[in-house]
Amino acid sequence: MRRILFLLTVCTLVIPVKLMADEPTAEQRATQSELDAACEIARQKNIAIGQAKEVERCHKENEASDRESCEELYKYYGEATGNRPALFYDLPECKAAHKFRNSY
């Protein structure tokens, strides 16, 4: 009984300290926000280029389809849908954001 009580006491003291140690500082949060924003800007640039190419390809290959139909078909290009992951998280800006997030 004493052993269980001792273990419970130790757990209640150690777990909150461990949880507090993982909390990022204000500087880390600010840096992470900047890195995340740079990643998203780079992703959106690449998504816009890829989306435009796919819409153009769709319109050329399916002459019966009007441009608006192709734009509707590819409006979520690059984003996570169904089992397909989001694209362009392998860009250097996104890798830097991910690496920094894992550092703290």
C-alpha atoms as a PDB file:
ATOM      1  CA  MET A   1       0.000   0.000   0.000  1.00  0.00           C
ATOM      2  CA  ARG A   2       2.816   2.396   0.878  1.00  0.00           C
ATOM      3  CA  ARG A   3       4.549   1.571  -2.393  1.00  0.00           C
ATOM      4  CA  ILE A   4       1.439   2.449  -4.439  1.00  0.00           C
ATOM      5  CA  LEU A   5       0.978   5.685  -2.535  1.00  0.00           C
ATOM      6  CA  PHE A   6       4.627   6.563  -3.132  1.00  0.00           C
ATOM      7  CA  LEU A   7       4.331   5.878  -6.882  1.00  0.00           C
ATOM      8  CA  LEU A   8       1.190   7.984  -7.152  1.00  0.00           C
ATOM      9  CA  THR A   9       2.902  10.860  -5.361  1.00  0.00           C
ATOM     10  CA  VAL A  10       5.931  10.674  -7.635  1.00  0.00           C
ATOM     11  CA  CYS A  11       3.736  10.573 -10.740  1.00  0.00           C
ATOM     12  CA  THR A  12       1.741  13.616  -9.671  1.00  0.00           C
ATOM     13  CA  LEU A  13       4.985  15.545  -9.185  1.00  0.00           C
ATOM     14  CA  VAL A  14       6.869  14.396 -12.288  1.00  0.00           C
ATOM     15  CA  ILE A  15       4.168  14.472 -14.980  1.00  0.00           C
ATOM     16  CA  PRO A  16       3.278  18.207 -14.638  1.00  0.00           C
ATOM     17  CA  VAL A  17       6.976  19.146 -14.748  1.00  0.00           C
ATOM     18  CA  LYS A  18       7.442  17.104 -17.923  1.00  0.00           C
ATOM     19  CA  LEU A  19       4.388  18.717 -19.537  1.00  0.00           C
ATOM     20  CA  MET A  20       5.576  22.225 -18.687  1.00  0.00           C
ATOM     21  CA  ALA A  21       9.056  21.542 -20.059  1.00  0.00           C
ATOM     22  CA  ASP A  22       7.646  20.912 -23.553  1.00  0.00           C
ATOM     23  CA  GLU A  23       5.860  24.263 -23.781  1.00  0.00           C
ATOM     24  CA  PRO A  24       7.505  26.488 -26.450  1.00  0.00           C
ATOM     25  CA  THR A  25       8.733  29.940 -25.504  1.00  0.00           C
ATOM     26  CA  ALA A  26       7.243  33.114 -26.972  1.00  0.00           C
ATOM     27  CA  GLU A  27      10.326  33.455 -29.188  1.00  0.00           C
ATOM     28  CA  GLN A  28       9.937  29.876 -30.449  1.00  0.00           C
ATOM     29  CA  ARG A  29       6.243  30.452 -31.181  1.00  0.00           C
ATOM     30  CA  ALA A  30       7.062  33.644 -33.104  1.00  0.00           C
ATOM     31  CA  THR A  31       9.791  31.931 -35.115  1.00  0.00           C
ATOM     32  CA  GLN A  32       7.500  28.971 -35.796  1.00  0.00           C
ATOM     33  CA  SER A  33       4.755  31.307 -37.033  1.00  0.00           C
ATOM     34  CA  GLU A  34       7.196  32.994 -39.423  1.00  0.00           C
ATOM     35  CA  LEU A  35       8.449  29.653 -40.736  1.00  0.00           C
ATOM     36  CA  ASP A  36       4.901  28.314 -41.130  1.00  0.00           C
ATOM     37  CA  ALA A  37       3.883  31.451 -43.027  1.00  0.00           C
ATOM     38  CA  ALA A  38       6.889  31.147 -45.362  1.00  0.00           C
ATOM     39  CA  CYS A  39       5.988  27.503 -45.967  1.00  0.00           C
ATOM     40  CA  GLU A  40       2.381  28.337 -46.768  1.00  0.00           C
ATOM     41  CA  ILE A  41       3.359  31.160 -49.146  1.00  0.00           C
ATOM     42  CA  ALA A  42       5.720  28.825 -51.020  1.00  0.00           C
ATOM     43  CA  ARG A  43       3.072  26.078 -51.111  1.00  0.00           C
ATOM     44  CA  GLN A  44       0.363  28.416 -52.429  1.00  0.00           C
ATOM     45  CA  LYS A  45       2.703  29.664 -55.161  1.00  0.00           C
ATOM     46  CA  ASN A  46       3.408  26.096 -56.290  1.00  0.00           C
ATOM     47  CA  ILE A  47      -0.249  25.115 -55.970  1.00  0.00           C
ATOM     48  CA  ALA A  48      -1.311  28.030 -58.185  1.00  0.00           C
ATOM     49  CA  ILE A  49       1.212  27.031 -60.865  1.00  0.00           C
ATOM     50  CA  GLY A  50       0.203  23.363 -60.765  1.00  0.00           C
ATOM     51  CA  GLN A  51      -3.482  24.188 -60.691  1.00  0.00           C
ATOM     52  CA  ALA A  52      -3.186  26.450 -63.737  1.00  0.00           C
ATOM     53  CA  LYS A  53      -1.342  23.705 -65.638  1.00  0.00           C
ATOM     54  CA  GLU A  54      -3.988  21.106 -64.761  1.00  0.00           C
ATOM     55  CA  VAL A  55      -6.854  23.404 -65.740  1.00  0.00           C
ATOM     56  CA  GLU A  56      -5.147  24.156 -69.052  1.00  0.00           C
ATOM     57  CA  ARG A  57      -4.501  20.456 -69.703  1.00  0.00           C
ATOM     58  CA  CYS A  58      -8.118  19.591 -68.835  1.00  0.00           C
ATOM     59  CA  HIS A  59      -9.444  22.276 -71.149  1.00  0.00           C
ATOM     60  CA  LYS A  60      -7.230  21.173 -74.062  1.00  0.00           C
ATOM     61  CA  GLU A  61      -7.820  17.446 -73.662  1.00  0.00           C
ATOM     62  CA  ASN A  62     -11.570  17.731 -73.159  1.00  0.00           C
ATOM     63  CA  GLU A  63     -12.687  20.238 -75.731  1.00  0.00           C
ATOM     64  CA  ALA A  64     -16.283  19.643 -74.683  1.00  0.00           C
ATOM     65  CA  SER A  65     -15.429  20.943 -71.210  1.00  0.00           C
ATOM     66  CA  ASP A  66     -15.524  24.665 -70.736  1.00  0.00           C
ATOM     67  CA  ARG A  67     -12.815  26.376 -68.707  1.00  0.00           C
ATOM     68  CA  GLU A  68     -15.116  26.896 -65.708  1.00  0.00           C
ATOM     69  CA  SER A  69     -15.759  23.145 -65.462  1.00  0.00           C
ATOM     70  CA  CYS A  70     -12.031  22.452 -65.440  1.00  0.00           C
ATOM     71  CA  GLU A  71     -11.467  25.159 -62.816  1.00  0.00           C
ATOM     72  CA  GLU A  72     -14.172  23.600 -60.656  1.00  0.00           C
ATOM     73  CA  LEU A  73     -12.600  20.173 -61.080  1.00  0.00           C
ATOM     74  CA  TYR A  74      -9.178  21.405 -59.919  1.00  0.00           C
ATOM     75  CA  LYS A  75     -10.186  24.024 -57.357  1.00  0.00           C
ATOM     76  CA  TYR A  76      -8.812  21.877 -54.500  1.00  0.00           C
ATOM     77  CA  TYR A  77      -5.599  20.969 -56.313  1.00  0.00           C
ATOM     78  CA  GLY A  78      -2.741  20.556 -53.853  1.00  0.00           C
ATOM     79  CA  GLU A  79      -4.886  20.327 -50.734  1.00  0.00           C
ATOM     80  CA  ALA A  80      -5.492  17.173 -48.697  1.00  0.00           C
ATOM     81  CA  THR A  81      -8.621  15.409 -49.878  1.00  0.00           C
ATOM     82  CA  GLY A  82      -9.770  11.891 -49.086  1.00  0.00           C
ATOM     83  CA  ASN A  83      -6.723   9.671 -48.730  1.00  0.00           C
ATOM     84  CA  ARG A  84      -4.539  12.015 -50.770  1.00  0.00           C
ATOM     85  CA  PRO A  85      -2.108  14.106 -48.702  1.00  0.00           C
ATOM     86  CA  ALA A  86      -1.553  17.792 -49.314  1.00  0.00           C
ATOM     87  CA  LEU A  87       1.139  18.630 -51.843  1.00  0.00           C
ATOM     88  CA  PHE A  88       4.336  20.653 -51.579  1.00  0.00           C
ATOM     89  CA  TYR A  89       5.215  20.085 -47.935  1.00  0.00           C
ATOM     90  CA  ASP A  90       8.564  18.874 -49.277  1.00  0.00           C
ATOM     91  CA  LEU A  91       9.629  22.410 -50.199  1.00  0.00           C
ATOM     92  CA  PRO A  92      12.709  23.788 -48.379  1.00  0.00           C
ATOM     93  CA  GLU A  93      10.581  26.344 -46.502  1.00  0.00           C
ATOM     94  CA  CYS A  94       8.264  23.619 -45.202  1.00  0.00           C
ATOM     95  CA  LYS A  95      11.144  21.338 -44.282  1.00  0.00           C
ATOM     96  CA  ALA A  96      12.683  24.194 -42.263  1.00  0.00           C
ATOM     97  CA  ALA A  97       9.386  24.792 -40.442  1.00  0.00           C
ATOM     98  CA  HIS A  98       9.027  21.088 -39.676  1.00  0.00           C
ATOM     99  CA  LYS A  99      12.621  20.786 -38.500  1.00  0.00           C
ATOM    100  CA  PHE A 100      12.240  23.794 -36.193  1.00  0.00           C
ATOM    101  CA  ARG A 101       8.954  22.446 -34.786  1.00  0.00           C
ATOM    102  CA  ASN A 102      10.689  19.180 -33.877  1.00  0.00           C
ATOM    103  CA  SER A 103      13.582  21.012 -32.206  1.00  0.00           C
ATOM    104  CA  TYR A 104      11.637  22.096 -29.129  1.00  0.00           C
END
